[in-house]
Amino acid sequence: ITIKWDITQWTADGYIKYRHIQAPGWHLGWAWTKKEVIWGMMGAQTIEQGDCSQFKGNIPHCCRRDPTTVDLLPGAPNGMQVGNCCKGGVLSSWVQDPVNAVASFQITVGRSGTSNRTVKAPKNFTLKAPGPGYTCGAAQKVKPPTKFISPDGRRTTQAHVTWDVICTYSQFVAQRGPACCVALSSFYNETIVDCPKCSCGCQNNITNPGSCVEVNSPYLASVVNGPGKGSSTPLVRCSPHMCPIKVHWHVKANYRDYWRVKITISNWNYRTNYSQWNLVVQHPNFDNVTTIFSFNYKALNPYGVINDTAMLWGLKYYNDLLMVAGPNGNVQSELLFRKDPSTFTFEKGWGFPRRIYFNGESCVMPQPDLYPWLPSSSPRLTKTAFLALAIVACAMVAFLYNHLVLDKYCGKS
């Protein structure tokens, strides 16, 4: 996430390609370096006004030394709106929807100085989206400052000074356990490698009652619609893995020049719909992906020219909403890859992904030694077996032929 502090404008840009911010939205905070106050805001508001008792007459919007701002909700009065505001704090990822990946608001600051020398950038920026996980660096002055183009495109204005603040996300800093897991299967092996046990937690309704719901429970409807409805705390279907999201990668078919994979994303959470979800997959054959059915696709190219990482997400109004757990709580797609003779193989689990992320969270993968491997009747071994069978068959034919000739000769004698 890149935060731009412009004297005349404030913007928060969702530049991380595959992370987005869900409801209840972002919270942005900072600490003033002097005795600044916020006289007014457009496009956002602070969650607390603070102690403004020293002011008479006109009262500032916020007097706190460490204000925290939130986005306005959709439908805010026109006089309080600016461009790219009022989305309830929800930001799309940059790849999926660049237009809605930016949030902006304006603030009028007092006691801050009136020149480039006296104005100081805030410090100690914090970003919650909506919980912890982002760590923000110090503000860095940018040259040249940001330029703004008028709506009609005929005039350009420039900020007096611009600072950039970079906030990076870490699942470790967020102190969050895994939120998804991966299952693997293939057409050439009957073994289905399910998500590792206790991937996201362990099922234990004795010490932690109500931690999950059985799919065939007669009380399912009452639990789902109970007091916790609307809570962000997951209510998952009981399973050995206890993850709200399960991703199944199935190697479906093998052709002469291509091979096919089926991906199924299942929501096991009874409380949360995942809107504008995305999946990031790392596999060496994305260099040769030819067709992806019913999902959008974007190569991320994290290593420059090497394309081994792809972002997948749903088609708008078709499957961009992953419904809550139940009959409609899954989305599916198939991927067709062209074979590269120099690298392609089904041996040693090569056909399975290296890493998978759902909504930017790393998913728990099975151990590599558990992957469905080629059985003993793999194509490479089949040629040898066929040759041996042919030799045996020829020997039997020769034996029977000699036996018939011998019988015929002996019969005549």
Protein backbone atom coordinates (compact mmCIF):
# COMPACT_ATOMS: atom_id res chain seq x y z
CA ILE A 1 0.00 0.00 0.00
CA THR A 2 1.40 3.40 -0.97
CA ILE A 3 0.20 6.45 0.96
CA LYS A 4 0.77 9.86 -0.61
CA TRP A 5 0.72 12.94 1.60
CA ASP A 6 0.29 15.95 -0.65
CA ILE A 7 -0.06 19.47 0.58
CA THR A 8 -3.50 20.09 -1.00
CA GLN A 9 -4.47 16.41 -1.18
CA TRP A 10 -4.23 13.08 0.62
CA THR A 11 -4.52 9.71 -1.11
CA ALA A 12 -4.14 6.08 -0.13
CA ASP A 13 -3.36 3.80 -3.06
CA GLY A 14 -3.79 0.03 -3.08
CA TYR A 15 -0.69 -0.75 -5.13
CA ILE A 16 -0.15 -4.25 -3.79
CA LYS A 17 -1.30 -6.26 -6.77
CA TYR A 18 -3.23 -9.08 -5.14
CA ARG A 19 -4.23 -7.73 -1.72
CA HIS A 20 -7.50 -5.96 -1.21
CA ILE A 21 -9.24 -4.53 1.84
CA GLN A 22 -12.61 -5.96 2.83
CA ALA A 23 -15.35 -4.58 5.06
CA PRO A 24 -15.34 -3.01 7.62
CA GLY A 25 -12.56 -1.27 5.73
CA TRP A 26 -9.29 0.52 6.35
CA HIS A 27 -8.29 2.61 9.37
CA LEU A 28 -5.46 5.05 8.75
CA GLY A 29 -3.62 6.74 11.60
CA TRP A 30 -0.58 8.92 12.19
CA ALA A 31 1.00 11.18 14.80
CA TRP A 32 1.48 14.89 14.30
CA THR A 33 5.03 16.21 14.75
CA LYS A 34 3.88 19.58 16.16
CA LYS A 35 0.57 20.89 17.53
CA GLU A 36 -1.47 20.45 14.36
CA VAL A 37 -5.24 20.16 14.39
CA ILE A 38 -7.68 19.11 11.67
CA TRP A 39 -10.15 21.87 10.89
CA GLY A 40 -12.13 19.93 8.33
CA MET A 41 -12.21 16.78 6.19
CA MET A 42 -13.80 15.72 2.92
CA GLY A 43 -14.11 12.09 1.88
CA ALA A 44 -13.27 10.70 5.32
CA GLN A 45 -13.61 11.42 9.02
CA THR A 46 -11.69 10.81 12.22
CA ILE A 47 -13.19 8.31 14.64
CA GLU A 48 -12.58 10.63 17.63
CA GLN A 49 -12.65 14.40 17.93
CA GLY A 50 -10.37 14.59 20.96
CA ASP A 51 -10.12 17.46 23.46
CA CYS A 52 -10.86 20.73 21.67
CA SER A 53 -11.81 22.68 24.82
CA GLN A 54 -9.12 25.32 24.20
CA PHE A 55 -10.93 26.49 21.07
CA LYS A 56 -13.83 28.93 21.24
CA GLY A 57 -16.27 29.58 18.44
CA ASN A 58 -15.08 27.45 15.52
CA ILE A 59 -14.33 23.95 16.81
CA PRO A 60 -11.86 21.78 14.84
CA HIS A 61 -12.91 18.45 13.40
CA CYS A 62 -10.17 16.69 15.41
CA CYS A 63 -7.68 17.84 18.04
CA ARG A 64 -6.00 14.51 18.76
CA ARG A 65 -2.23 14.25 18.39
CA ASP A 66 -2.72 10.77 16.90
CA PRO A 67 -5.89 10.86 14.78
CA THR A 68 -7.33 7.76 13.12
CA THR A 69 -9.35 8.23 9.95
CA VAL A 70 -11.94 6.05 8.24
CA ASP A 71 -13.60 6.26 4.87
CA LEU A 72 -17.11 7.64 4.52
CA LEU A 73 -19.91 5.27 3.63
CA PRO A 74 -21.49 5.18 0.17
CA GLY A 75 -24.24 7.77 -0.12
CA ALA A 76 -22.42 10.46 1.84
CA PRO A 77 -23.66 14.02 1.14
CA ASN A 78 -22.20 15.52 -2.02
CA GLY A 79 -20.63 18.35 -0.06
CA MET A 80 -18.52 15.85 1.87
CA GLN A 81 -17.31 13.81 -1.11
CA VAL A 82 -14.13 13.91 -3.18
CA GLY A 83 -13.00 11.65 -5.98
CA ASN A 84 -12.27 8.03 -5.00
CA CYS A 85 -13.93 8.34 -1.61
CA CYS A 86 -16.91 6.95 0.18
CA LYS A 87 -16.58 3.19 -0.35
CA GLY A 88 -16.86 2.20 3.29
CA GLY A 89 -13.12 1.59 3.39
CA VAL A 90 -13.24 -1.27 0.91
CA LEU A 91 -10.42 -1.34 -1.66
CA SER A 92 -10.05 -3.69 -4.60
CA SER A 93 -6.70 -5.14 -5.56
CA TRP A 94 -4.77 -3.22 -8.20
CA VAL A 95 -4.92 -6.05 -10.75
CA GLN A 96 -8.63 -6.78 -10.40
CA ASP A 97 -10.05 -3.26 -10.40
CA PRO A 98 -7.58 -0.34 -10.65
CA VAL A 99 -10.36 2.27 -10.50
CA ASN A 100 -11.54 1.04 -7.10
CA ALA A 101 -8.05 0.31 -5.78
CA VAL A 102 -7.57 3.94 -4.70
CA ALA A 103 -9.09 5.82 -1.77
CA SER A 104 -8.74 9.60 -1.40
CA PHE A 105 -9.68 12.24 1.12
CA GLN A 106 -8.76 15.84 1.86
CA ILE A 107 -7.99 17.46 5.18
CA THR A 108 -7.60 21.07 6.24
CA VAL A 109 -4.77 21.28 8.76
CA GLY A 110 -4.12 24.11 11.21
CA ARG A 111 -0.96 25.04 13.11
CA SER A 112 1.15 23.26 10.51
CA GLY A 113 3.11 26.12 8.98
CA THR A 114 2.77 27.87 5.66
CA SER A 115 5.94 26.96 3.74
CA ASN A 116 7.91 23.93 2.63
CA ARG A 117 10.38 24.57 5.44
CA THR A 118 7.84 24.78 8.26
CA VAL A 119 5.40 22.07 7.15
CA LYS A 120 6.38 18.68 8.54
CA ALA A 121 5.08 15.28 7.45
CA PRO A 122 3.30 13.24 10.12
CA LYS A 123 5.10 10.24 11.61
CA ASN A 124 4.24 6.80 13.00
CA PHE A 125 1.74 5.92 10.28
CA THR A 126 -0.51 2.94 10.99
CA LEU A 127 -2.79 1.10 8.60
CA LYS A 128 -5.37 -1.43 9.69
CA ALA A 129 -7.21 -3.24 6.95
CA PRO A 130 -9.29 -3.81 9.03
CA GLY A 131 -7.01 -5.57 11.54
CA PRO A 132 -3.24 -5.46 12.06
CA GLY A 133 -0.71 -6.77 9.58
CA TYR A 134 0.67 -3.67 7.86
CA THR A 135 3.92 -2.02 8.91
CA CYS A 136 4.46 1.51 7.62
CA GLY A 137 7.81 3.15 7.07
CA ALA A 138 8.78 6.77 7.55
CA ALA A 139 7.51 9.42 5.14
CA GLN A 140 9.93 10.05 2.26
CA LYS A 141 9.89 13.30 0.30
CA VAL A 142 9.17 12.79 -3.40
CA LYS A 143 10.48 14.94 -6.24
CA PRO A 144 8.85 16.16 -8.34
CA PRO A 145 5.66 16.61 -6.28
CA THR A 146 2.36 15.11 -7.38
CA LYS A 147 0.57 16.76 -10.29
CA PHE A 148 -3.21 16.93 -10.59
CA ILE A 149 -5.13 17.14 -13.85
CA SER A 150 -8.48 18.91 -13.91
CA PRO A 151 -11.59 16.87 -14.83
CA ASP A 152 -11.69 18.44 -18.30
CA GLY A 153 -8.00 17.66 -18.83
CA ARG A 154 -7.14 21.25 -19.72
CA ARG A 155 -5.27 22.33 -16.60
CA THR A 156 -2.58 20.79 -14.39
CA THR A 157 -1.80 21.88 -10.85
CA GLN A 158 1.03 20.75 -8.62
CA ALA A 159 1.31 20.03 -4.91
CA HIS A 160 3.68 22.22 -2.92
CA VAL A 161 5.34 19.14 -1.44
CA THR A 162 4.71 15.38 -1.54
CA TRP A 163 5.70 12.58 0.83
CA ASP A 164 5.32 8.84 0.21
CA VAL A 165 4.73 6.29 2.96
CA ILE A 166 5.07 2.58 2.09
CA CYS A 167 3.11 0.06 4.17
CA THR A 168 3.87 -3.64 3.70
CA TYR A 169 1.75 -6.59 4.80
CA SER A 170 2.98 -9.57 6.79
CA GLN A 171 0.85 -12.51 7.87
CA PHE A 172 3.24 -12.95 10.80
CA VAL A 173 2.76 -9.35 11.95
CA ALA A 174 -0.99 -9.82 11.63
CA GLN A 175 -0.66 -12.65 14.16
CA ARG A 176 -3.12 -14.62 12.10
CA GLY A 177 -3.12 -18.33 11.62
CA PRO A 178 -3.64 -19.83 8.18
CA ALA A 179 -6.99 -19.10 6.58
CA CYS A 180 -6.90 -21.62 3.75
CA CYS A 181 -5.50 -24.99 2.78
CA VAL A 182 -4.84 -27.00 -0.38
CA ALA A 183 -5.92 -30.50 -1.44
CA LEU A 184 -4.34 -32.36 -4.37
CA SER A 185 -5.44 -35.15 -6.71
CA SER A 186 -4.78 -36.46 -10.22
CA PHE A 187 -6.19 -38.69 -12.94
CA TYR A 188 -3.20 -41.04 -12.74
CA ASN A 189 -3.48 -41.85 -9.03
CA GLU A 190 -6.55 -42.76 -6.99
CA THR A 191 -5.09 -41.10 -3.90
CA ILE A 192 -6.69 -37.79 -2.91
CA VAL A 193 -4.33 -35.84 -0.67
CA ASP A 194 -6.62 -33.75 1.52
CA CYS A 195 -5.68 -30.61 3.42
CA PRO A 196 -3.24 -31.35 6.25
CA LYS A 197 -4.95 -32.08 9.54
CA CYS A 198 -5.37 -29.04 11.81
CA SER A 199 -4.22 -26.71 9.00
CA CYS A 200 -6.20 -23.79 10.43
CA GLY A 201 -7.06 -25.22 13.82
CA CYS A 202 -8.11 -28.45 15.46
CA GLN A 203 -11.69 -29.55 15.81
CA ASN A 204 -12.51 -29.79 19.50
CA ASN A 205 -16.07 -29.02 20.50
CA ILE A 206 -15.34 -30.32 24.00
CA THR A 207 -12.83 -27.64 25.04
CA ASN A 208 -14.04 -25.09 22.48
CA PRO A 209 -17.77 -25.62 21.98
CA GLY A 210 -19.35 -23.96 18.97
CA SER A 211 -16.05 -23.68 17.10
CA CYS A 212 -17.58 -25.42 14.10
CA VAL A 213 -20.89 -26.73 12.77
CA GLU A 214 -21.62 -30.17 11.37
CA VAL A 215 -22.96 -29.97 7.85
CA ASN A 216 -25.91 -32.25 8.67
CA SER A 217 -26.69 -30.64 12.03
CA PRO A 218 -30.43 -30.02 12.60
CA TYR A 219 -29.46 -26.77 14.35
CA LEU A 220 -27.42 -25.42 11.43
CA ALA A 221 -29.87 -22.66 10.46
CA SER A 222 -30.33 -21.43 14.03
CA VAL A 223 -26.57 -21.33 14.64
CA VAL A 224 -25.79 -19.51 11.39
CA ASN A 225 -28.54 -16.93 11.98
CA GLY A 226 -27.86 -16.68 15.72
CA PRO A 227 -26.36 -13.82 17.75
CA GLY A 228 -23.04 -14.02 15.92
CA LYS A 229 -24.57 -13.28 12.53
CA GLY A 230 -22.68 -10.46 10.85
CA SER A 231 -19.56 -11.10 12.90
CA SER A 232 -16.21 -11.36 11.14
CA THR A 233 -15.30 -14.36 13.31
CA PRO A 234 -15.47 -17.45 11.06
CA LEU A 235 -18.09 -20.10 11.73
CA VAL A 236 -16.71 -23.02 9.77
CA ARG A 237 -17.99 -26.41 8.82
CA CYS A 238 -16.46 -29.12 11.00
CA SER A 239 -13.55 -30.81 9.24
CA PRO A 240 -10.12 -32.24 10.02
CA HIS A 241 -8.48 -29.08 8.61
CA MET A 242 -10.90 -26.46 10.06
CA CYS A 243 -10.12 -23.90 7.35
CA PRO A 244 -12.72 -21.44 6.06
CA ILE A 245 -11.32 -21.78 2.52
CA LYS A 246 -10.23 -24.98 0.77
CA VAL A 247 -8.51 -24.99 -2.64
CA HIS A 248 -8.50 -28.26 -4.60
CA TRP A 249 -5.97 -28.65 -7.44
CA HIS A 250 -6.79 -31.64 -9.66
CA VAL A 251 -4.58 -32.73 -12.56
CA LYS A 252 -7.47 -33.71 -14.81
CA ALA A 253 -6.13 -34.90 -18.16
CA ASN A 254 -3.05 -35.49 -20.29
CA TYR A 255 -3.02 -34.90 -24.05
CA ARG A 256 -0.27 -35.15 -26.63
CA ASP A 257 0.67 -31.46 -26.53
CA TYR A 258 -1.32 -30.20 -23.55
CA TRP A 259 -2.36 -31.04 -20.01
CA ARG A 260 -5.37 -29.83 -18.03
CA VAL A 261 -5.97 -28.80 -14.42
CA LYS A 262 -9.23 -28.21 -12.55
CA ILE A 263 -9.28 -25.76 -9.64
CA THR A 264 -12.10 -25.70 -7.10
CA ILE A 265 -12.30 -23.06 -4.36
CA SER A 266 -14.75 -24.00 -1.60
CA ASN A 267 -16.03 -21.71 1.13
CA TRP A 268 -16.43 -23.60 4.42
CA ASN A 269 -17.37 -20.43 6.32
CA TYR A 270 -21.07 -20.03 7.13
CA ARG A 271 -20.75 -16.33 7.98
CA THR A 272 -18.72 -14.74 5.18
CA ASN A 273 -19.24 -14.17 1.48
CA TYR A 274 -15.94 -13.40 -0.24
CA SER A 275 -16.53 -10.63 -2.76
CA GLN A 276 -13.83 -9.91 -5.34
CA TRP A 277 -11.79 -12.87 -4.12
CA ASN A 278 -8.50 -13.72 -5.78
CA LEU A 279 -6.12 -16.65 -5.95
CA VAL A 280 -2.37 -16.43 -6.55
CA VAL A 281 -0.74 -19.66 -7.75
CA GLN A 282 2.93 -20.43 -8.27
CA HIS A 283 3.76 -23.13 -10.84
CA PRO A 284 6.61 -23.28 -13.40
CA ASN A 285 4.29 -24.04 -16.34
CA PHE A 286 2.43 -20.71 -16.24
CA ASP A 287 4.88 -19.66 -18.95
CA ASN A 288 2.84 -21.92 -21.25
CA VAL A 289 -0.74 -21.44 -20.06
CA THR A 290 -3.01 -21.25 -23.12
CA THR A 291 -6.61 -21.14 -21.89
CA ILE A 292 -8.31 -20.43 -18.56
CA PHE A 293 -12.03 -21.11 -18.40
CA SER A 294 -14.44 -18.96 -16.31
CA PHE A 295 -11.69 -17.12 -14.36
CA ASN A 296 -9.75 -13.96 -15.12
CA TYR A 297 -5.97 -14.32 -15.35
CA LYS A 298 -2.98 -12.04 -14.94
CA ALA A 299 0.70 -12.98 -14.96
CA LEU A 300 2.47 -11.34 -12.03
CA ASN A 301 6.06 -11.95 -13.20
CA PRO A 302 7.63 -11.41 -9.76
CA TYR A 303 11.07 -12.29 -11.15
CA GLY A 304 11.02 -10.15 -14.26
CA VAL A 305 11.00 -12.32 -17.37
CA ILE A 306 10.18 -15.54 -15.50
CA ASN A 307 6.44 -16.18 -15.43
CA ASP A 308 5.76 -18.78 -12.77
CA THR A 309 3.15 -16.88 -10.75
CA ALA A 310 -0.40 -16.08 -11.82
CA MET A 311 -3.33 -14.30 -10.25
CA LEU A 312 -6.82 -15.70 -10.85
CA TRP A 313 -10.14 -14.10 -9.96
CA GLY A 314 -13.81 -14.41 -10.84
CA LEU A 315 -15.70 -12.92 -13.75
CA LYS A 316 -17.81 -9.93 -12.81
CA TYR A 317 -21.47 -10.78 -12.11
CA TYR A 318 -20.73 -14.47 -12.74
CA ASN A 319 -18.44 -15.93 -10.09
CA ASP A 320 -16.66 -12.95 -8.49
CA LEU A 321 -18.69 -13.60 -5.32
CA LEU A 322 -17.80 -16.74 -3.38
CA MET A 323 -20.95 -17.53 -1.42
CA VAL A 324 -21.10 -18.81 2.16
CA ALA A 325 -20.70 -22.52 2.89
CA GLY A 326 -23.39 -24.61 1.29
CA PRO A 327 -24.45 -25.90 -2.13
CA ASN A 328 -23.41 -22.65 -3.85
CA GLY A 329 -20.29 -22.05 -1.78
CA ASN A 330 -17.71 -22.88 -4.44
CA VAL A 331 -16.25 -21.63 -7.72
CA GLN A 332 -14.46 -23.72 -10.33
CA SER A 333 -12.26 -23.30 -13.36
CA GLU A 334 -10.06 -25.34 -15.67
CA LEU A 335 -6.61 -24.40 -16.94
CA LEU A 336 -5.04 -25.71 -20.13
CA PHE A 337 -1.23 -25.74 -20.32
CA ARG A 338 0.97 -26.38 -23.34
CA LYS A 339 3.71 -28.91 -22.67
CA ASP A 340 7.29 -27.73 -22.74
CA PRO A 341 9.34 -30.82 -23.70
CA SER A 342 12.36 -29.50 -21.81
CA THR A 343 10.56 -29.31 -18.46
CA PHE A 344 7.24 -31.18 -18.58
CA THR A 345 6.82 -34.28 -16.45
CA PHE A 346 4.28 -35.78 -14.08
CA GLU A 347 7.00 -37.34 -11.97
CA LYS A 348 7.63 -36.37 -8.34
CA GLY A 349 4.60 -34.10 -8.10
CA TRP A 350 5.76 -31.65 -10.76
CA GLY A 351 2.16 -31.07 -11.88
CA PHE A 352 1.15 -29.55 -8.54
CA PRO A 353 1.57 -25.92 -7.43
CA ARG A 354 4.46 -24.71 -5.32
CA ARG A 355 2.49 -22.12 -3.36
CA ILE A 356 -1.11 -20.86 -3.28
CA TYR A 357 -2.48 -17.66 -1.74
CA PHE A 358 -6.15 -16.81 -1.22
CA ASN A 359 -6.85 -13.07 -0.84
CA GLY A 360 -3.17 -12.58 -0.12
CA GLU A 361 -3.04 -15.15 2.70
CA SER A 362 -0.69 -18.11 2.31
CA CYS A 363 -2.49 -21.47 2.18
CA VAL A 364 -1.23 -24.58 3.95
CA MET A 365 0.12 -27.11 1.43
CA PRO A 366 0.44 -30.89 1.92
CA GLN A 367 3.91 -32.26 2.50
CA PRO A 368 5.69 -32.99 -0.83
CA ASP A 369 6.24 -36.66 0.03
CA LEU A 370 2.44 -37.09 0.20
CA TYR A 371 1.76 -35.77 -3.31
CA PRO A 372 0.02 -38.21 -5.70
CA TRP A 373 2.95 -39.69 -7.62
CA LEU A 374 2.94 -41.67 -10.82
CA PRO A 375 2.10 -45.32 -10.14
CA SER A 376 4.36 -48.18 -11.21
CA SER A 377 2.43 -48.36 -14.48
CA SER A 378 3.58 -44.93 -15.54
CA PRO A 379 4.06 -44.32 -19.31
CA ARG A 380 7.85 -44.61 -19.04
CA LEU A 381 7.58 -48.04 -17.45
CA THR A 382 4.77 -49.18 -19.72
CA LYS A 383 7.09 -49.28 -22.78
CA THR A 384 9.43 -51.69 -21.03
CA ALA A 385 6.55 -53.83 -19.84
CA PHE A 386 5.06 -53.91 -23.35
CA LEU A 387 8.40 -54.98 -24.86
CA ALA A 388 8.75 -57.80 -22.34
CA LEU A 389 5.18 -58.93 -23.03
CA ALA A 390 5.82 -58.92 -26.78
CA ILE A 391 8.93 -61.12 -26.35
CA VAL A 392 6.98 -63.59 -24.22
CA ALA A 393 4.15 -63.67 -26.77
CA CYS A 394 6.56 -64.33 -29.65
CA ALA A 395 8.19 -67.14 -27.69
CA MET A 396 4.80 -68.74 -27.02
CA VAL A 397 3.82 -68.51 -30.69
CA ALA A 398 7.11 -70.11 -31.73
CA PHE A 399 6.67 -72.86 -29.16
CA LEU A 400 3.10 -73.65 -30.31
CA TYR A 401 4.16 -73.61 -33.95
CA ASN A 402 7.00 -76.05 -33.32
CA HIS A 403 4.68 -78.24 -31.26
CA LEU A 404 2.10 -78.40 -34.08
CA VAL A 405 4.77 -79.23 -36.66
CA LEU A 406 6.14 -81.99 -34.46
CA ASP A 407 2.66 -83.48 -33.94
CA LYS A 408 2.02 -83.43 -37.64
CA TYR A 409 5.33 -85.15 -38.41
CA CYS A 410 4.86 -87.80 -35.74
CA GLY A 411 1.32 -88.47 -36.90
CA LYS A 412 2.52 -89.26 -40.40
CA SER A 413 5.13 -91.65 -39.14
